[in-house]
Structure formats: structure tokens, C-alpha cells
Amino acid sequence: MIYTLIGKLVVRAAKLFLRRKYGPTLLPKPVLAGVVALVVGLLAALGKRG
């Protein structure tokens, strides 16, 4: 349950940050791919640690 809340918080924070940086338009695909890779990497690291 706690990981779900943390995940939702991270996603909302990332969306807020990117919208402030790039505006409400669609993100460029390389930026979106980088964000997805970062989130997957963090989740994998936390999975091995816990």
C-alpha cells in the first residue's frame, strides 16, 4: 500500500515538474522516454533493496 502511494506521489511530482518546464503541451518523446526509464530504474533499485 505504501509503495502505491509513493508511486503516485512520484508520478504527480514528475508531471508537475515537466509541465512547469515545458508547459501544458505534449512532451518530446525523448524526454518522456527518459522519465519512464528513470522511474523504472528507481523501482528496480528499490525492489532489490527491500
C-alpha atoms as a PDB file:
ATOM      1  CA  MET A   1       0.000   0.000   0.000  1.00  0.00           C
ATOM      2  CA  ILE A   2       2.750   2.438   0.905  1.00  0.00           C
ATOM      3  CA  TYR A   3       4.574   1.785  -2.374  1.00  0.00           C
ATOM      4  CA  THR A   4       1.424   2.623  -4.308  1.00  0.00           C
ATOM      5  CA  LEU A   5       1.174   5.966  -2.530  1.00  0.00           C
ATOM      6  CA  ILE A   6       4.862   6.686  -3.091  1.00  0.00           C
ATOM      7  CA  GLY A   7       4.500   5.779  -6.772  1.00  0.00           C
ATOM      8  CA  LYS A   8       1.511   8.073  -7.212  1.00  0.00           C
ATOM      9  CA  LEU A   9       3.372  10.893  -5.474  1.00  0.00           C
ATOM     10  CA  VAL A  10       6.396  10.450  -7.739  1.00  0.00           C
ATOM     11  CA  VAL A  11       4.257  10.433 -10.884  1.00  0.00           C
ATOM     12  CA  ARG A  12       2.351  13.563  -9.837  1.00  0.00           C
ATOM     13  CA  ALA A  13       5.570  15.375  -8.926  1.00  0.00           C
ATOM     14  CA  ALA A  14       7.149  14.411 -12.259  1.00  0.00           C
ATOM     15  CA  LYS A  15       4.093  15.644 -14.174  1.00  0.00           C
ATOM     16  CA  LEU A  16       4.069  18.915 -12.262  1.00  0.00           C
ATOM     17  CA  PHE A  17       7.788  19.473 -12.807  1.00  0.00           C
ATOM     18  CA  LEU A  18       7.623  18.691 -16.524  1.00  0.00           C
ATOM     19  CA  ARG A  19       4.527  20.820 -17.079  1.00  0.00           C
ATOM     20  CA  ARG A  20       6.231  23.769 -15.429  1.00  0.00           C
ATOM     21  CA  LYS A  21       9.349  23.250 -17.513  1.00  0.00           C
ATOM     22  CA  TYR A  22       7.729  22.531 -20.896  1.00  0.00           C
ATOM     23  CA  GLY A  23       4.206  23.903 -20.491  1.00  0.00           C
ATOM     24  CA  PRO A  24       0.937  22.053 -20.890  1.00  0.00           C
ATOM     25  CA  THR A  25       1.794  20.817 -24.397  1.00  0.00           C
ATOM     26  CA  LEU A  26       2.848  17.263 -25.094  1.00  0.00           C
ATOM     27  CA  LEU A  27       6.360  16.359 -24.045  1.00  0.00           C
ATOM     28  CA  PRO A  28       9.008  15.499 -26.599  1.00  0.00           C
ATOM     29  CA  LYS A  29       9.339  11.727 -26.927  1.00  0.00           C
ATOM     30  CA  PRO A  30      12.990  11.565 -25.770  1.00  0.00           C
ATOM     31  CA  VAL A  31      12.085  13.398 -22.557  1.00  0.00           C
ATOM     32  CA  LEU A  32       9.128  11.117 -21.948  1.00  0.00           C
ATOM     33  CA  ALA A  33      11.272   8.036 -22.585  1.00  0.00           C
ATOM     34  CA  GLY A  34      13.903   9.328 -20.165  1.00  0.00           C
ATOM     35  CA  VAL A  35      11.322   9.868 -17.428  1.00  0.00           C
ATOM     36  CA  VAL A  36       9.896   6.390 -17.914  1.00  0.00           C
ATOM     37  CA  ALA A  37      13.384   4.852 -17.824  1.00  0.00           C
ATOM     38  CA  LEU A  38      14.213   6.773 -14.651  1.00  0.00           C
ATOM     39  CA  VAL A  39      11.051   5.624 -12.878  1.00  0.00           C
ATOM     40  CA  VAL A  40      11.580   2.007 -13.927  1.00  0.00           C
ATOM     41  CA  GLY A  41      15.193   2.156 -12.762  1.00  0.00           C
ATOM     42  CA  LEU A  42      14.204   3.575  -9.390  1.00  0.00           C
ATOM     43  CA  LEU A  43      11.539   0.933  -8.911  1.00  0.00           C
ATOM     44  CA  ALA A  44      14.009  -1.821  -9.810  1.00  0.00           C
ATOM     45  CA  ALA A  45      16.576  -0.449  -7.361  1.00  0.00           C
ATOM     46  CA  LEU A  46      14.005  -0.213  -4.592  1.00  0.00           C
ATOM     47  CA  GLY A  47      12.767  -3.719  -5.369  1.00  0.00           C
ATOM     48  CA  LYS A  48      16.236  -5.218  -4.958  1.00  0.00           C
ATOM     49  CA  ARG A  49      16.879  -3.214  -1.806  1.00  0.00           C
ATOM     50  CA  GLY A  50      13.644  -4.088   0.008  1.00  0.00           C
END
